[in-house]
Amino acid sequence: MLKFVKHHLATIDNVDIYPIISLILFGSVFIAILIKTFLADKNTMKQLSQMPLNDDPNSNPQN
């Protein structure tokens, strides 16, 4: 199976750039989510964390 994949990958020009692109894409998405998490409003995070525990989906506790 690996020989089959290696043969087809060897025929593609500039195939060595794909792992670099995927690593940069993964890293940028990871960093963006990390920044969004740290910059999020604490009250919003508290409200989101309490959502699974609420029986009434329309309730909006303001603690």
PDB file of N, CA and C in Angstrom:
ATOM      1  N   MET A   1       0.825  -1.193   0.000  1.00  0.00           N
ATOM      2  CA  MET A   1       0.000   0.000   0.000  1.00  0.00           C
ATOM      3  C   MET A   1       0.868   1.255   0.000  1.00  0.00           C
ATOM      4  N   LEU A   2       1.924   1.270   0.797  1.00  0.00           N
ATOM      5  CA  LEU A   2       2.787   2.440   0.863  1.00  0.00           C
ATOM      6  C   LEU A   2       3.515   2.666  -0.460  1.00  0.00           C
ATOM      7  N   LYS A   3       3.875   1.583  -1.145  1.00  0.00           N
ATOM      8  CA  LYS A   3       4.534   1.721  -2.442  1.00  0.00           C
ATOM      9  C   LYS A   3       3.606   2.389  -3.444  1.00  0.00           C
ATOM     10  N   PHE A   4       2.329   2.052  -3.373  1.00  0.00           N
ATOM     11  CA  PHE A   4       1.336   2.643  -4.271  1.00  0.00           C
ATOM     12  C   PHE A   4       1.221   4.145  -4.026  1.00  0.00           C
ATOM     13  N   VAL A   5       1.190   4.543  -2.768  1.00  0.00           N
ATOM     14  CA  VAL A   5       1.066   5.960  -2.418  1.00  0.00           C
ATOM     15  C   VAL A   5       2.352   6.704  -2.758  1.00  0.00           C
ATOM     16  N   LYS A   6       3.496   6.109  -2.454  1.00  0.00           N
ATOM     17  CA  LYS A   6       4.774   6.758  -2.747  1.00  0.00           C
ATOM     18  C   LYS A   6       4.942   7.004  -4.238  1.00  0.00           C
ATOM     19  N   HIS A   7       4.528   6.046  -5.045  1.00  0.00           N
ATOM     20  CA  HIS A   7       4.670   6.197  -6.495  1.00  0.00           C
ATOM     21  C   HIS A   7       3.847   7.378  -7.000  1.00  0.00           C
ATOM     22  N   HIS A   8       2.623   7.496  -6.531  1.00  0.00           N
ATOM     23  CA  HIS A   8       1.775   8.588  -6.994  1.00  0.00           C
ATOM     24  C   HIS A   8       2.215   9.934  -6.424  1.00  0.00           C
ATOM     25  N   LEU A   9       2.716   9.946  -5.208  1.00  0.00           N
ATOM     26  CA  LEU A   9       3.202  11.200  -4.639  1.00  0.00           C
ATOM     27  C   LEU A   9       4.482  11.665  -5.328  1.00  0.00           C
ATOM     28  N   ALA A  10       5.287  10.734  -5.791  1.00  0.00           N
ATOM     29  CA  ALA A  10       6.534  11.095  -6.461  1.00  0.00           C
ATOM     30  C   ALA A  10       6.272  11.753  -7.807  1.00  0.00           C
ATOM     31  N   THR A  11       5.130  11.483  -8.399  1.00  0.00           N
ATOM     32  CA  THR A  11       4.824  12.067  -9.706  1.00  0.00           C
ATOM     33  C   THR A  11       4.259  13.482  -9.601  1.00  0.00           C
ATOM     34  N   ILE A  12       3.905  13.939  -8.400  1.00  0.00           N
ATOM     35  CA  ILE A  12       3.343  15.277  -8.216  1.00  0.00           C
ATOM     36  C   ILE A  12       4.484  16.274  -8.045  1.00  0.00           C
ATOM     37  N   ASP A  13       4.429  17.353  -8.807  1.00  0.00           N
ATOM     38  CA  ASP A  13       5.443  18.399  -8.675  1.00  0.00           C
ATOM     39  C   ASP A  13       5.225  19.171  -7.382  1.00  0.00           C
ATOM     40  N   ASN A  14       6.310  19.519  -6.722  1.00  0.00           N
ATOM     41  CA  ASN A  14       6.301  20.304  -5.479  1.00  0.00           C
ATOM     42  C   ASN A  14       5.437  19.679  -4.385  1.00  0.00           C
ATOM     43  N   VAL A  15       5.464  18.369  -4.264  1.00  0.00           N
ATOM     44  CA  VAL A  15       4.663  17.690  -3.246  1.00  0.00           C
ATOM     45  C   VAL A  15       5.215  17.953  -1.848  1.00  0.00           C
ATOM     46  N   ASP A  16       6.461  18.370  -1.744  1.00  0.00           N
ATOM     47  CA  ASP A  16       7.061  18.603  -0.431  1.00  0.00           C
ATOM     48  C   ASP A  16       6.512  19.842   0.265  1.00  0.00           C
ATOM     49  N   ILE A  17       5.748  20.674  -0.423  1.00  0.00           N
ATOM     50  CA  ILE A  17       5.187  21.880   0.183  1.00  0.00           C
ATOM     51  C   ILE A  17       3.899  21.565   0.958  1.00  0.00           C
ATOM     52  N   TYR A  18       3.223  20.472   0.654  1.00  0.00           N
ATOM     53  CA  TYR A  18       1.945  20.153   1.299  1.00  0.00           C
ATOM     54  C   TYR A  18       2.054  19.929   2.807  1.00  0.00           C
ATOM     55  N   PRO A  19       3.051  19.210   3.304  1.00  0.00           N
ATOM     56  CA  PRO A  19       3.161  19.090   4.771  1.00  0.00           C
ATOM     57  C   PRO A  19       3.426  20.427   5.457  1.00  0.00           C
ATOM     58  N   ILE A  20       4.173  21.293   4.801  1.00  0.00           N
ATOM     59  CA  ILE A  20       4.452  22.607   5.383  1.00  0.00           C
ATOM     60  C   ILE A  20       3.175  23.438   5.444  1.00  0.00           C
ATOM     61  N   ILE A  21       2.399  23.412   4.370  1.00  0.00           N
ATOM     62  CA  ILE A  21       1.135  24.155   4.337  1.00  0.00           C
ATOM     63  C   ILE A  21       0.180  23.637   5.402  1.00  0.00           C
ATOM     64  N   SER A  22       0.085  22.326   5.538  1.00  0.00           N
ATOM     65  CA  SER A  22      -0.836  21.767   6.533  1.00  0.00           C
ATOM     66  C   SER A  22      -0.386  22.098   7.956  1.00  0.00           C
ATOM     67  N   LEU A  23       0.909  22.118   8.206  1.00  0.00           N
ATOM     68  CA  LEU A  23       1.410  22.478   9.533  1.00  0.00           C
ATOM     69  C   LEU A  23       1.128  23.947   9.845  1.00  0.00           C
ATOM     70  N   ILE A  24       1.336  24.818   8.879  1.00  0.00           N
ATOM     71  CA  ILE A  24       1.053  26.243   9.077  1.00  0.00           C
ATOM     72  C   ILE A  24      -0.436  26.464   9.289  1.00  0.00           C
ATOM     73  N   LEU A  25      -1.267  25.778   8.524  1.00  0.00           N
ATOM     74  CA  LEU A  25      -2.715  25.913   8.674  1.00  0.00           C
ATOM     75  C   LEU A  25      -3.174  25.430  10.046  1.00  0.00           C
ATOM     76  N   PHE A  26      -2.696  24.270  10.476  1.00  0.00           N
ATOM     77  CA  PHE A  26      -3.059  23.756  11.793  1.00  0.00           C
ATOM     78  C   PHE A  26      -2.591  24.697  12.892  1.00  0.00           C
ATOM     79  N   GLY A  27      -1.364  25.158  12.793  1.00  0.00           N
ATOM     80  CA  GLY A  27      -0.821  26.051  13.814  1.00  0.00           C
ATOM     81  C   GLY A  27      -1.582  27.358  13.904  1.00  0.00           C
ATOM     82  N   SER A  28      -1.946  27.926  12.759  1.00  0.00           N
ATOM     83  CA  SER A  28      -2.661  29.202  12.779  1.00  0.00           C
ATOM     84  C   SER A  28      -4.065  29.048  13.349  1.00  0.00           C
ATOM     85  N   VAL A  29      -4.751  27.962  13.021  1.00  0.00           N
ATOM     86  CA  VAL A  29      -6.082  27.729  13.593  1.00  0.00           C
ATOM     87  C   VAL A  29      -5.971  27.496  15.096  1.00  0.00           C
ATOM     88  N   PHE A  30      -4.986  26.733  15.530  1.00  0.00           N
ATOM     89  CA  PHE A  30      -4.794  26.467  16.953  1.00  0.00           C
ATOM     90  C   PHE A  30      -4.510  27.756  17.718  1.00  0.00           C
ATOM     91  N   ILE A  31      -3.635  28.585  17.195  1.00  0.00           N
ATOM     92  CA  ILE A  31      -3.296  29.854  17.853  1.00  0.00           C
ATOM     93  C   ILE A  31      -4.508  30.779  17.878  1.00  0.00           C
ATOM     94  N   ALA A  32      -5.291  30.818  16.791  1.00  0.00           N
ATOM     95  CA  ALA A  32      -6.476  31.677  16.748  1.00  0.00           C
ATOM     96  C   ALA A  32      -7.503  31.257  17.796  1.00  0.00           C
ATOM     97  N   ILE A  33      -7.729  29.959  17.942  1.00  0.00           N
ATOM     98  CA  ILE A  33      -8.681  29.476  18.949  1.00  0.00           C
ATOM     99  C   ILE A  33      -8.149  29.744  20.353  1.00  0.00           C
ATOM    100  N   LEU A  34      -6.861  29.597  20.544  1.00  0.00           N
ATOM    101  CA  LEU A  34      -6.255  29.875  21.845  1.00  0.00           C
ATOM    102  C   LEU A  34      -6.403  31.349  22.220  1.00  0.00           C
ATOM    103  N   ILE A  35      -6.158  32.237  21.284  1.00  0.00           N
ATOM    104  CA  ILE A  35      -6.306  33.676  21.538  1.00  0.00           C
ATOM    105  C   ILE A  35      -7.761  34.020  21.813  1.00  0.00           C
ATOM    106  N   LYS A  36      -8.679  33.451  21.022  1.00  0.00           N
ATOM    107  CA  LYS A  36     -10.102  33.727  21.228  1.00  0.00           C
ATOM    108  C   LYS A  36     -10.550  33.252  22.609  1.00  0.00           C
ATOM    109  N   THR A  37     -10.024  32.130  23.057  1.00  0.00           N
ATOM    110  CA  THR A  37     -10.387  31.603  24.368  1.00  0.00           C
ATOM    111  C   THR A  37      -9.902  32.518  25.486  1.00  0.00           C
ATOM    112  N   PHE A  38      -8.679  32.992  25.389  1.00  0.00           N
ATOM    113  CA  PHE A  38      -8.144  33.848  26.445  1.00  0.00           C
ATOM    114  C   PHE A  38      -8.751  35.243  26.447  1.00  0.00           C
ATOM    115  N   LEU A  39      -9.207  35.719  25.309  1.00  0.00           N
ATOM    116  CA  LEU A  39      -9.783  37.056  25.228  1.00  0.00           C
ATOM    117  C   LEU A  39     -11.301  37.075  25.406  1.00  0.00           C
ATOM    118  N   ALA A  40     -11.908  35.909  25.588  1.00  0.00           N
ATOM    119  CA  ALA A  40     -13.364  35.833  25.721  1.00  0.00           C
ATOM    120  C   ALA A  40     -13.816  36.467  27.031  1.00  0.00           C
ATOM    121  N   ASP A  41     -15.022  36.983  27.016  1.00  0.00           N
ATOM    122  CA  ASP A  41     -15.617  37.604  28.194  1.00  0.00           C
ATOM    123  C   ASP A  41     -15.878  36.534  29.251  1.00  0.00           C
ATOM    124  N   LYS A  42     -15.494  36.803  30.475  1.00  0.00           N
ATOM    125  CA  LYS A  42     -15.629  35.816  31.555  1.00  0.00           C
ATOM    126  C   LYS A  42     -17.099  35.523  31.871  1.00  0.00           C
ATOM    127  N   ASN A  43     -17.958  36.541  31.799  1.00  0.00           N
ATOM    128  CA  ASN A  43     -19.383  36.309  32.062  1.00  0.00           C
ATOM    129  C   ASN A  43     -20.004  35.422  30.995  1.00  0.00           C
ATOM    130  N   THR A  44     -19.595  35.606  29.758  1.00  0.00           N
ATOM    131  CA  THR A  44     -20.097  34.755  28.681  1.00  0.00           C
ATOM    132  C   THR A  44     -19.644  33.319  28.885  1.00  0.00           C
ATOM    133  N   MET A  45     -18.396  33.129  29.276  1.00  0.00           N
ATOM    134  CA  MET A  45     -17.891  31.780  29.524  1.00  0.00           C
ATOM    135  C   MET A  45     -18.628  31.118  30.684  1.00  0.00           C
ATOM    136  N   LYS A  46     -18.937  31.884  31.718  1.00  0.00           N
ATOM    137  CA  LYS A  46     -19.678  31.336  32.854  1.00  0.00           C
ATOM    138  C   LYS A  46     -21.080  30.924  32.418  1.00  0.00           C
ATOM    139  N   GLN A  47     -21.718  31.753  31.612  1.00  0.00           N
ATOM    140  CA  GLN A  47     -23.057  31.437  31.117  1.00  0.00           C
ATOM    141  C   GLN A  47     -23.022  30.198  30.222  1.00  0.00           C
ATOM    142  N   LEU A  48     -22.027  30.085  29.363  1.00  0.00           N
ATOM    143  CA  LEU A  48     -21.912  28.919  28.495  1.00  0.00           C
ATOM    144  C   LEU A  48     -21.624  27.651  29.292  1.00  0.00           C
ATOM    145  N   SER A  49     -20.866  27.769  30.362  1.00  0.00           N
ATOM    146  CA  SER A  49     -20.563  26.587  31.167  1.00  0.00           C
ATOM    147  C   SER A  49     -21.773  26.111  31.959  1.00  0.00           C
ATOM    148  N   GLN A  50     -22.720  27.006  32.254  1.00  0.00           N
ATOM    149  CA  GLN A  50     -23.918  26.639  33.000  1.00  0.00           C
ATOM    150  C   GLN A  50     -25.049  26.143  32.097  1.00  0.00           C
ATOM    151  N   MET A  51     -24.927  26.300  30.796  1.00  0.00           N
ATOM    152  CA  MET A  51     -26.000  25.913  29.880  1.00  0.00           C
ATOM    153  C   MET A  51     -26.393  24.440  29.983  1.00  0.00           C
ATOM    154  N   PRO A  52     -25.464  23.490  30.066  1.00  0.00           N
ATOM    155  CA  PRO A  52     -25.879  22.089  30.157  1.00  0.00           C
ATOM    156  C   PRO A  52     -26.622  21.764  31.452  1.00  0.00           C
ATOM    157  N   LEU A  53     -26.456  22.573  32.477  1.00  0.00           N
ATOM    158  CA  LEU A  53     -27.081  22.306  33.768  1.00  0.00           C
ATOM    159  C   LEU A  53     -28.469  22.918  33.898  1.00  0.00           C
ATOM    160  N   ASN A  54     -28.806  23.851  33.035  1.00  0.00           N
ATOM    161  CA  ASN A  54     -30.105  24.514  33.107  1.00  0.00           C
ATOM    162  C   ASN A  54     -31.201  23.620  32.544  1.00  0.00           C
ATOM    163  N   ASP A  55     -32.347  23.561  33.243  1.00  0.00           N
ATOM    164  CA  ASP A  55     -33.481  22.795  32.741  1.00  0.00           C
ATOM    165  C   ASP A  55     -34.261  23.584  31.701  1.00  0.00           C
ATOM    166  N   ASP A  56     -34.369  24.879  31.911  1.00  0.00           N
ATOM    167  CA  ASP A  56     -35.118  25.733  31.004  1.00  0.00           C
ATOM    168  C   ASP A  56     -34.157  26.330  29.974  1.00  0.00           C
ATOM    169  N   PRO A  57     -34.339  26.005  28.684  1.00  0.00           N
ATOM    170  CA  PRO A  57     -33.397  26.517  27.683  1.00  0.00           C
ATOM    171  C   PRO A  57     -33.489  28.022  27.479  1.00  0.00           C
ATOM    172  N   ASN A  58     -34.598  28.652  27.906  1.00  0.00           N
ATOM    173  CA  ASN A  58     -34.763  30.086  27.713  1.00  0.00           C
ATOM    174  C   ASN A  58     -34.292  30.903  28.907  1.00  0.00           C
ATOM    175  N   SER A  59     -33.886  30.239  29.977  1.00  0.00           N
ATOM    176  CA  SER A  59     -33.452  30.984  31.160  1.00  0.00           C
ATOM    177  C   SER A  59     -32.093  31.614  30.899  1.00  0.00           C
ATOM    178  N   ASN A  60     -31.910  32.804  31.449  1.00  0.00           N
ATOM    179  CA  ASN A  60     -30.669  33.537  31.274  1.00  0.00           C
ATOM    180  C   ASN A  60     -30.229  34.065  32.632  1.00  0.00           C
ATOM    181  N   PRO A  61     -29.503  33.259  33.422  1.00  0.00           N
ATOM    182  CA  PRO A  61     -29.114  33.714  34.762  1.00  0.00           C
ATOM    183  C   PRO A  61     -28.096  34.836  34.675  1.00  0.00           C
ATOM    184  N   GLN A  62     -28.328  35.872  35.447  1.00  0.00           N
ATOM    185  CA  GLN A  62     -27.427  37.021  35.489  1.00  0.00           C
ATOM    186  C   GLN A  62     -26.770  37.087  36.859  1.00  0.00           C
ATOM    187  N   ASN A  63     -25.804  36.223  37.122  1.00  0.00           N
ATOM    188  CA  ASN A  63     -25.113  36.190  38.416  1.00  0.00           C
ATOM    189  C   ASN A  63     -23.925  37.093  38.404  1.00  0.00           C
TER     190      ASN A  63
END
